[in-house]
Amino acid sequence: MFSSLLYFVVIAITMAFAFTPTTFVAIVTGYYFGWLGLPGMVVAYALASVIGYEPGPTA
């Protein structure tokens, strides 16, 4: 359980900073976790978006 949570946090960080392509992460996750990895991937994608979001200059 902890190792899968760690996996999804790490891939969220690597996807946020574009170290790993999202398609590669989806293929690897599908191979190792199957359909059980889908909820983790959704959360990891959302977390990567939040981490990678950089707001523009404020007016």
Protein backbone atom coordinates (compact mmCIF):
# COMPACT_ATOMS: atom_id res chain seq x y z
CA MET A 1 0.00 0.00 0.00
CA PHE A 2 2.72 2.48 0.98
CA SER A 3 4.84 1.58 -2.02
CA SER A 4 2.00 2.24 -4.47
CA LEU A 5 1.24 5.56 -2.78
CA LEU A 6 4.91 6.49 -3.02
CA TYR A 7 4.92 5.44 -6.69
CA PHE A 8 2.02 7.75 -7.54
CA VAL A 9 3.53 10.70 -5.65
CA VAL A 10 6.88 10.23 -7.39
CA ILE A 11 5.34 9.99 -10.85
CA ALA A 12 3.24 13.07 -10.14
CA ILE A 13 6.42 15.00 -9.38
CA THR A 14 8.26 13.64 -12.41
CA MET A 15 5.31 14.40 -14.70
CA ALA A 16 4.97 17.92 -13.25
CA PHE A 17 8.55 18.78 -14.17
CA ALA A 18 8.41 16.85 -17.48
CA PHE A 19 11.03 14.25 -16.54
CA THR A 20 8.78 11.41 -17.72
CA PRO A 21 6.25 11.48 -20.55
CA THR A 22 2.69 10.97 -19.40
CA THR A 23 2.06 8.24 -21.97
CA PHE A 24 5.01 6.22 -20.69
CA VAL A 25 3.76 6.56 -17.12
CA ALA A 26 0.28 5.44 -18.17
CA ILE A 27 1.65 2.36 -19.96
CA VAL A 28 3.89 1.35 -17.05
CA THR A 29 1.11 1.90 -14.52
CA GLY A 30 -1.35 -0.10 -16.61
CA TYR A 31 1.13 -2.95 -16.95
CA TYR A 32 1.93 -3.23 -13.26
CA PHE A 33 -1.37 -2.17 -11.65
CA GLY A 34 -3.97 -2.89 -14.32
CA TRP A 35 -7.33 -1.19 -13.86
CA LEU A 36 -6.60 -0.80 -10.16
CA GLY A 37 -4.04 1.86 -11.07
CA LEU A 38 -6.58 4.10 -12.80
CA PRO A 39 -7.72 6.03 -9.68
CA GLY A 40 -4.10 6.57 -8.67
CA MET A 41 -3.27 7.85 -12.14
CA VAL A 42 -6.17 10.31 -12.07
CA VAL A 43 -4.97 11.68 -8.73
CA ALA A 44 -1.33 11.72 -9.92
CA TYR A 45 -2.28 13.68 -13.07
CA ALA A 46 -4.23 16.18 -10.95
CA LEU A 47 -1.34 16.52 -8.50
CA ALA A 48 1.11 17.00 -11.38
CA SER A 49 -1.10 19.76 -12.76
CA VAL A 50 -1.20 21.51 -9.41
CA ILE A 51 2.57 21.20 -8.93
CA GLY A 52 3.37 22.29 -12.47
CA TYR A 53 0.95 25.19 -12.52
CA GLU A 54 2.77 28.48 -12.49
CA PRO A 55 0.51 31.51 -12.32
CA GLY A 56 1.38 34.43 -14.53
CA PRO A 57 2.26 37.88 -13.29
CA THR A 58 -0.50 39.60 -11.38
CA ALA A 59 -1.75 42.93 -12.54
